[in-house]
PDB file of N, CA and C in Angstrom:
ATOM      1  N   MET A   1      16.092  -4.554  75.275  1.00  0.00           N
ATOM      2  CA  MET A   1      15.647  -4.689  73.833  1.00  0.00           C
ATOM      3  C   MET A   1      16.915  -4.606  72.782  1.00  0.00           C
ATOM      4  N   VAL A   2      17.645  -3.519  73.111  1.00  0.00           N
ATOM      5  CA  VAL A   2      18.699  -3.377  72.113  1.00  0.00           C
ATOM      6  C   VAL A   2      19.868  -4.304  72.390  1.00  0.00           C
ATOM      7  N   VAL A   3      20.044  -4.781  73.704  1.00  0.00           N
ATOM      8  CA  VAL A   3      21.118  -5.649  74.176  1.00  0.00           C
ATOM      9  C   VAL A   3      20.800  -6.895  73.466  1.00  0.00           C
ATOM     10  N   LYS A   4      19.499  -7.370  73.412  1.00  0.00           N
ATOM     11  CA  LYS A   4      18.991  -8.636  73.035  1.00  0.00           C
ATOM     12  C   LYS A   4      19.246  -8.545  71.354  1.00  0.00           C
ATOM     13  N   LYS A   5      19.081  -7.592  70.761  1.00  0.00           N
ATOM     14  CA  LYS A   5      19.403  -7.522  69.376  1.00  0.00           C
ATOM     15  C   LYS A   5      20.863  -7.659  69.125  1.00  0.00           C
ATOM     16  N   LEU A   6      21.601  -6.837  69.940  1.00  0.00           N
ATOM     17  CA  LEU A   6      23.152  -7.006  69.699  1.00  0.00           C
ATOM     18  C   LEU A   6      23.606  -8.318  70.025  1.00  0.00           C
ATOM     19  N   LYS A   7      23.122  -9.064  71.041  1.00  0.00           N
ATOM     20  CA  LYS A   7      23.563 -10.332  71.305  1.00  0.00           C
ATOM     21  C   LYS A   7      23.112 -11.209  70.122  1.00  0.00           C
ATOM     22  N   PHE A   8      21.973 -11.101  69.462  1.00  0.00           N
ATOM     23  CA  PHE A   8      21.631 -11.967  68.380  1.00  0.00           C
ATOM     24  C   PHE A   8      22.639 -11.765  67.278  1.00  0.00           C
ATOM     25  N   ILE A   9      22.910 -10.444  67.030  1.00  0.00           N
ATOM     26  CA  ILE A   9      23.848 -10.037  65.763  1.00  0.00           C
ATOM     27  C   ILE A   9      25.236 -10.755  66.094  1.00  0.00           C
ATOM     28  N   ILE A  10      25.665 -10.690  67.348  1.00  0.00           N
ATOM     29  CA  ILE A  10      26.883 -11.195  67.664  1.00  0.00           C
ATOM     30  C   ILE A  10      26.887 -12.799  67.544  1.00  0.00           C
ATOM     31  N   TYR A  11      25.887 -13.331  67.949  1.00  0.00           N
ATOM     32  CA  TYR A  11      25.804 -14.860  67.828  1.00  0.00           C
ATOM     33  C   TYR A  11      25.645 -15.227  66.480  1.00  0.00           C
ATOM     34  N   SER A  12      24.898 -14.467  65.621  1.00  0.00           N
ATOM     35  CA  SER A  12      24.763 -14.768  64.180  1.00  0.00           C
ATOM     36  C   SER A  12      26.169 -14.669  63.499  1.00  0.00           C
ATOM     37  N   ILE A  13      27.013 -13.762  63.883  1.00  0.00           N
ATOM     38  CA  ILE A  13      28.217 -13.511  63.313  1.00  0.00           C
ATOM     39  C   ILE A  13      29.215 -14.764  63.627  1.00  0.00           C
ATOM     40  N   GLU A  14      29.050 -15.088  65.030  1.00  0.00           N
ATOM     41  CA  GLU A  14      29.807 -16.282  65.553  1.00  0.00           C
ATOM     42  C   GLU A  14      29.414 -17.524  64.790  1.00  0.00           C
ATOM     43  N   LEU A  15      28.202 -17.747  64.596  1.00  0.00           N
ATOM     44  CA  LEU A  15      27.666 -18.849  63.857  1.00  0.00           C
ATOM     45  C   LEU A  15      28.127 -18.966  62.398  1.00  0.00           C
ATOM     46  N   GLY A  16      28.047 -17.794  61.775  1.00  0.00           N
ATOM     47  CA  GLY A  16      28.656 -17.691  60.449  1.00  0.00           C
ATOM     48  C   GLY A  16      30.134 -18.131  60.314  1.00  0.00           C
ATOM     49  N   ILE A  17      30.862 -17.608  61.209  1.00  0.00           N
ATOM     50  CA  ILE A  17      32.316 -17.992  61.331  1.00  0.00           C
ATOM     51  C   ILE A  17      32.496 -19.589  61.591  1.00  0.00           C
ATOM     52  N   ILE A  18      31.635 -20.030  62.466  1.00  0.00           N
ATOM     53  CA  ILE A  18      31.645 -21.460  62.665  1.00  0.00           C
ATOM     54  C   ILE A  18      31.321 -22.203  61.521  1.00  0.00           C
ATOM     55  N   PHE A  19      30.349 -22.023  60.735  1.00  0.00           N
ATOM     56  CA  PHE A  19      29.820 -22.716  59.608  1.00  0.00           C
ATOM     57  C   PHE A  19      30.918 -22.616  58.565  1.00  0.00           C
ATOM     58  N   ALA A  20      31.497 -21.407  58.405  1.00  0.00           N
ATOM     59  CA  ALA A  20      32.540 -21.204  57.252  1.00  0.00           C
ATOM     60  C   ALA A  20      33.888 -22.041  57.639  1.00  0.00           C
ATOM     61  N   ALA A  21      34.129 -22.063  59.016  1.00  0.00           N
ATOM     62  CA  ALA A  21      35.253 -23.048  59.374  1.00  0.00           C
ATOM     63  C   ALA A  21      35.014 -24.555  59.245  1.00  0.00           C
ATOM     64  N   LEU A  22      33.679 -24.850  59.388  1.00  0.00           N
ATOM     65  CA  LEU A  22      33.331 -26.288  59.260  1.00  0.00           C
ATOM     66  C   LEU A  22      33.409 -26.565  57.705  1.00  0.00           C
ATOM     67  N   TYR A  23      32.826 -25.724  56.877  1.00  0.00           N
ATOM     68  CA  TYR A  23      32.853 -25.944  55.516  1.00  0.00           C
ATOM     69  C   TYR A  23      34.339 -26.093  54.918  1.00  0.00           C
ATOM     70  N   SER A  24      35.205 -25.251  55.313  1.00  0.00           N
ATOM     71  CA  SER A  24      36.589 -25.388  54.829  1.00  0.00           C
ATOM     72  C   SER A  24      37.266 -26.698  55.331  1.00  0.00           C
ATOM     73  N   SER A  25      36.968 -26.991  56.661  1.00  0.00           N
ATOM     74  CA  SER A  25      37.643 -28.212  57.159  1.00  0.00           C
ATOM     75  C   SER A  25      37.013 -29.532  56.476  1.00  0.00           C
ATOM     76  N   PHE A  26      35.697 -29.511  56.380  1.00  0.00           N
ATOM     77  CA  PHE A  26      35.244 -30.721  55.636  1.00  0.00           C
ATOM     78  C   PHE A  26      35.430 -30.864  54.155  1.00  0.00           C
ATOM     79  N   ASP A  27      35.744 -29.617  53.551  1.00  0.00           N
ATOM     80  CA  ASP A  27      35.967 -29.554  52.156  1.00  0.00           C
ATOM     81  C   ASP A  27      37.428 -30.138  51.989  1.00  0.00           C
ATOM     82  N   ILE A  28      38.533 -29.732  52.760  1.00  0.00           N
ATOM     83  CA  ILE A  28      39.693 -30.197  52.515  1.00  0.00           C
ATOM     84  C   ILE A  28      39.811 -31.937  52.951  1.00  0.00           C
ATOM     85  N   ILE A  29      39.047 -32.249  53.879  1.00  0.00           N
ATOM     86  CA  ILE A  29      38.968 -33.655  54.285  1.00  0.00           C
ATOM     87  C   ILE A  29      38.334 -34.592  53.094  1.00  0.00           C
ATOM     88  N   LEU A  30      37.213 -33.902  52.616  1.00  0.00           N
ATOM     89  CA  LEU A  30      36.656 -34.768  51.393  1.00  0.00           C
ATOM     90  C   LEU A  30      37.497 -34.542  50.165  1.00  0.00           C
ATOM     91  N   LYS A  31      38.394 -33.551  49.900  1.00  0.00           N
ATOM     92  CA  LYS A  31      39.410 -33.572  48.834  1.00  0.00           C
ATOM     93  C   LYS A  31      40.360 -34.754  49.170  1.00  0.00           C
ATOM     94  N   ILE A  32      40.770 -34.813  50.150  1.00  0.00           N
ATOM     95  CA  ILE A  32      41.856 -35.765  50.615  1.00  0.00           C
ATOM     96  C   ILE A  32      41.290 -37.310  50.297  1.00  0.00           C
ATOM     97  N   PHE A  33      39.983 -37.524  50.545  1.00  0.00           N
ATOM     98  CA  PHE A  33      39.487 -38.974  50.446  1.00  0.00           C
ATOM     99  C   PHE A  33      39.027 -39.121  49.046  1.00  0.00           C
ATOM    100  N   LEU A  34      38.634 -38.066  48.361  1.00  0.00           N
ATOM    101  CA  LEU A  34      38.073 -38.269  46.950  1.00  0.00           C
ATOM    102  C   LEU A  34      39.271 -38.293  45.998  1.00  0.00           C
ATOM    103  N   TYR A  35      40.171 -37.531  46.034  1.00  0.00           N
ATOM    104  CA  TYR A  35      41.224 -37.478  45.103  1.00  0.00           C
ATOM    105  C   TYR A  35      42.505 -38.390  45.403  1.00  0.00           C
ATOM    106  N   GLY A  36      42.501 -38.718  46.647  1.00  0.00           N
ATOM    107  CA  GLY A  36      43.728 -39.531  47.062  1.00  0.00           C
ATOM    108  C   GLY A  36      44.703 -38.620  47.717  1.00  0.00           C
ATOM    109  N   SER A  37      45.330 -38.950  48.912  1.00  0.00           N
ATOM    110  CA  SER A  37      46.265 -38.096  49.530  1.00  0.00           C
ATOM    111  C   SER A  37      47.568 -37.748  48.743  1.00  0.00           C
ATOM    112  N   LEU A  38      47.946 -39.036  48.154  1.00  0.00           N
ATOM    113  CA  LEU A  38      49.242 -38.960  47.527  1.00  0.00           C
ATOM    114  C   LEU A  38      49.295 -37.997  46.204  1.00  0.00           C
ATOM    115  N   THR A  39      48.192 -37.915  45.603  1.00  0.00           N
ATOM    116  CA  THR A  39      48.097 -37.093  44.428  1.00  0.00           C
ATOM    117  C   THR A  39      48.120 -35.619  44.894  1.00  0.00           C
ATOM    118  N   LEU A  40      47.480 -35.335  45.960  1.00  0.00           N
ATOM    119  CA  LEU A  40      47.555 -33.865  46.480  1.00  0.00           C
ATOM    120  C   LEU A  40      48.840 -33.525  47.065  1.00  0.00           C
ATOM    121  N   ILE A  41      49.459 -34.533  47.712  1.00  0.00           N
ATOM    122  CA  ILE A  41      50.824 -34.155  48.462  1.00  0.00           C
ATOM    123  C   ILE A  41      51.904 -33.957  47.276  1.00  0.00           C
ATOM    124  N   GLU A  42      51.719 -34.724  46.266  1.00  0.00           N
ATOM    125  CA  GLU A  42      52.911 -34.477  45.201  1.00  0.00           C
ATOM    126  C   GLU A  42      52.694 -33.205  44.486  1.00  0.00           C
ATOM    127  N   HIS A  43      51.355 -32.793  44.172  1.00  0.00           N
ATOM    128  CA  HIS A  43      51.242 -31.578  43.405  1.00  0.00           C
ATOM    129  C   HIS A  43      51.178 -30.284  44.236  1.00  0.00           C
ATOM    130  N   ASN A  44      50.650 -30.300  45.360  1.00  0.00           N
ATOM    131  CA  ASN A  44      50.308 -29.035  46.039  1.00  0.00           C
ATOM    132  C   ASN A  44      50.774 -29.410  47.544  1.00  0.00           C
ATOM    133  N   LYS A  45      51.920 -29.718  47.875  1.00  0.00           N
ATOM    134  CA  LYS A  45      52.290 -30.003  49.353  1.00  0.00           C
ATOM    135  C   LYS A  45      52.131 -28.873  50.119  1.00  0.00           C
ATOM    136  N   LEU A  46      52.612 -27.727  49.923  1.00  0.00           N
ATOM    137  CA  LEU A  46      52.640 -26.510  50.700  1.00  0.00           C
ATOM    138  C   LEU A  46      51.141 -26.056  50.935  1.00  0.00           C
ATOM    139  N   ILE A  47      50.395 -26.044  49.863  1.00  0.00           N
ATOM    140  CA  ILE A  47      48.983 -25.573  49.999  1.00  0.00           C
ATOM    141  C   ILE A  47      48.123 -26.566  50.716  1.00  0.00           C
ATOM    142  N   LEU A  48      48.489 -27.801  50.579  1.00  0.00           N
ATOM    143  CA  LEU A  48      47.702 -28.894  51.411  1.00  0.00           C
ATOM    144  C   LEU A  48      47.973 -28.758  52.720  1.00  0.00           C
ATOM    145  N   ILE A  49      49.289 -28.596  53.214  1.00  0.00           N
ATOM    146  CA  ILE A  49      49.599 -28.397  54.580  1.00  0.00           C
ATOM    147  C   ILE A  49      48.938 -27.169  55.219  1.00  0.00           C
ATOM    148  N   ILE A  50      48.909 -25.951  54.532  1.00  0.00           N
ATOM    149  CA  ILE A  50      48.323 -24.877  55.034  1.00  0.00           C
ATOM    150  C   ILE A  50      46.748 -25.080  55.252  1.00  0.00           C
ATOM    151  N   GLU A  51      46.200 -25.758  54.279  1.00  0.00           N
ATOM    152  CA  GLU A  51      44.717 -25.790  54.288  1.00  0.00           C
ATOM    153  C   GLU A  51      44.464 -26.901  55.419  1.00  0.00           C
ATOM    154  N   LEU A  52      45.297 -27.947  55.673  1.00  0.00           N
ATOM    155  CA  LEU A  52      45.075 -28.837  56.789  1.00  0.00           C
ATOM    156  C   LEU A  52      45.133 -28.060  58.099  1.00  0.00           C
ATOM    157  N   ILE A  53      46.088 -27.203  58.234  1.00  0.00           N
ATOM    158  CA  ILE A  53      46.362 -26.420  59.519  1.00  0.00           C
ATOM    159  C   ILE A  53      45.140 -25.469  59.781  1.00  0.00           C
ATOM    160  N   LEU A  54      44.694 -24.913  58.621  1.00  0.00           N
ATOM    161  CA  LEU A  54      43.636 -23.943  58.761  1.00  0.00           C
ATOM    162  C   LEU A  54      42.315 -24.790  59.038  1.00  0.00           C
ATOM    163  N   SER A  55      42.060 -25.885  58.509  1.00  0.00           N
ATOM    164  CA  SER A  55      41.012 -26.636  58.830  1.00  0.00           C
ATOM    165  C   SER A  55      40.961 -27.177  60.356  1.00  0.00           C
ATOM    166  N   LEU A  56      42.113 -27.551  60.750  1.00  0.00           N
ATOM    167  CA  LEU A  56      42.147 -28.052  62.213  1.00  0.00           C
ATOM    168  C   LEU A  56      41.938 -26.792  63.100  1.00  0.00           C
ATOM    169  N   LEU A  57      42.379 -25.699  62.831  1.00  0.00           N
ATOM    170  CA  LEU A  57      42.108 -24.493  63.477  1.00  0.00           C
ATOM    171  C   LEU A  57      40.720 -24.087  63.566  1.00  0.00           C
ATOM    172  N   GLY A  58      40.046 -24.396  62.308  1.00  0.00           N
ATOM    173  CA  GLY A  58      38.552 -24.114  62.137  1.00  0.00           C
ATOM    174  C   GLY A  58      37.837 -25.183  62.952  1.00  0.00           C
ATOM    175  N   LEU A  59      38.124 -26.405  63.109  1.00  0.00           N
ATOM    176  CA  LEU A  59      37.363 -27.363  63.957  1.00  0.00           C
ATOM    177  C   LEU A  59      37.519 -26.920  65.458  1.00  0.00           C
ATOM    178  N   ILE A  60      38.843 -26.671  65.818  1.00  0.00           N
ATOM    179  CA  ILE A  60      39.046 -26.167  67.281  1.00  0.00           C
ATOM    180  C   ILE A  60      38.249 -24.893  67.576  1.00  0.00           C
ATOM    181  N   LEU A  61      38.183 -23.826  66.688  1.00  0.00           N
ATOM    182  CA  LEU A  61      37.273 -22.670  66.823  1.00  0.00           C
ATOM    183  C   LEU A  61      35.914 -23.002  66.877  1.00  0.00           C
ATOM    184  N   PHE A  62      35.370 -24.016  66.129  1.00  0.00           N
ATOM    185  CA  PHE A  62      34.012 -24.536  66.152  1.00  0.00           C
ATOM    186  C   PHE A  62      33.604 -25.008  67.537  1.00  0.00           C
ATOM    187  N   PHE A  63      34.451 -25.935  68.059  1.00  0.00           N
ATOM    188  CA  PHE A  63      34.238 -26.547  69.435  1.00  0.00           C
ATOM    189  C   PHE A  63      34.225 -25.435  70.459  1.00  0.00           C
ATOM    190  N   PHE A  64      35.117 -24.655  70.439  1.00  0.00           N
ATOM    191  CA  PHE A  64      35.256 -23.630  71.596  1.00  0.00           C
ATOM    192  C   PHE A  64      34.203 -22.704  71.444  1.00  0.00           C
ATOM    193  N   LEU A  65      33.738 -22.154  70.263  1.00  0.00           N
ATOM    194  CA  LEU A  65      32.659 -21.190  70.261  1.00  0.00           C
ATOM    195  C   LEU A  65      31.348 -21.881  70.554  1.00  0.00           C
ATOM    196  N   MET A  66      31.151 -23.139  70.182  1.00  0.00           N
ATOM    197  CA  MET A  66      29.857 -23.766  70.417  1.00  0.00           C
ATOM    198  C   MET A  66      29.806 -24.019  72.040  1.00  0.00           C
ATOM    199  N   ILE A  67      30.967 -24.392  72.662  1.00  0.00           N
ATOM    200  CA  ILE A  67      30.860 -24.466  74.177  1.00  0.00           C
ATOM    201  C   ILE A  67      30.523 -23.253  74.757  1.00  0.00           C
ATOM    202  N   ASP A  68      31.217 -22.176  74.257  1.00  0.00           N
ATOM    203  CA  ASP A  68      31.012 -20.838  74.760  1.00  0.00           C
ATOM    204  C   ASP A  68      29.598 -20.258  74.619  1.00  0.00           C
ATOM    205  N   ILE A  69      28.947 -20.498  73.424  1.00  0.00           N
ATOM    206  CA  ILE A  69      27.601 -20.188  73.291  1.00  0.00           C
ATOM    207  C   ILE A  69      26.696 -21.009  74.084  1.00  0.00           C
ATOM    208  N   TRP A  70      26.969 -22.223  74.212  1.00  0.00           N
ATOM    209  CA  TRP A  70      26.107 -23.212  75.003  1.00  0.00           C
ATOM    210  C   TRP A  70      26.108 -22.703  76.385  1.00  0.00           C
ATOM    211  N   ARG A  71      27.414 -22.367  76.915  1.00  0.00           N
ATOM    212  CA  ARG A  71      27.523 -21.964  78.389  1.00  0.00           C
ATOM    213  C   ARG A  71      26.637 -20.735  78.525  1.00  0.00           C
ATOM    214  N   LYS A  72      26.954 -19.754  77.560  1.00  0.00           N
ATOM    215  CA  LYS A  72      26.227 -18.465  77.856  1.00  0.00           C
ATOM    216  C   LYS A  72      24.642 -18.595  77.779  1.00  0.00           C
ATOM    217  N   GLU A  73      24.135 -19.420  76.922  1.00  0.00           N
ATOM    218  CA  GLU A  73      22.751 -19.453  76.722  1.00  0.00           C
ATOM    219  C   GLU A  73      22.124 -20.393  77.683  1.00  0.00           C
ATOM    220  N   PHE A  74      22.673 -21.577  78.058  1.00  0.00           N
ATOM    221  CA  PHE A  74      21.972 -22.392  78.820  1.00  0.00           C
ATOM    222  C   PHE A  74      22.535 -22.570  80.380  1.00  0.00           C
ATOM    223  N   ALA A  75      23.235 -21.631  80.725  1.00  0.00           N
ATOM    224  CA  ALA A  75      23.879 -21.842  82.070  1.00  0.00           C
ATOM    225  C   ALA A  75      22.748 -21.238  82.985  1.00  0.00           C
ATOM    226  N   THR A  76      22.709 -21.893  84.185  1.00  0.00           N
ATOM    227  CA  THR A  76      21.733 -21.363  85.142  1.00  0.00           C
ATOM    228  C   THR A  76      22.349 -20.372  85.893  1.00  0.00           C
ATOM    229  N   PRO A  77      21.536 -19.268  86.105  1.00  0.00           N
ATOM    230  CA  PRO A  77      21.996 -18.059  86.658  1.00  0.00           C
ATOM    231  C   PRO A  77      22.232 -18.338  88.268  1.00  0.00           C
TER     232      PRO A  77
END
């Protein structure tokens, strides 16, 4: 019983991290498409590069954590 609650808390934290990473990655992608990449690159080149790297890491984290959760939950014993 306690183990199931602990697993639920851990999965909730992992899903929170996943959704935060997804939000940041989609946010920067939308900024690029809405405001134009040239404007962002001219004004905030270093910030844009850092945000792009973090958003790509967020997407990679999303896929790996989802595969890990899926494998733990739905794997046949």
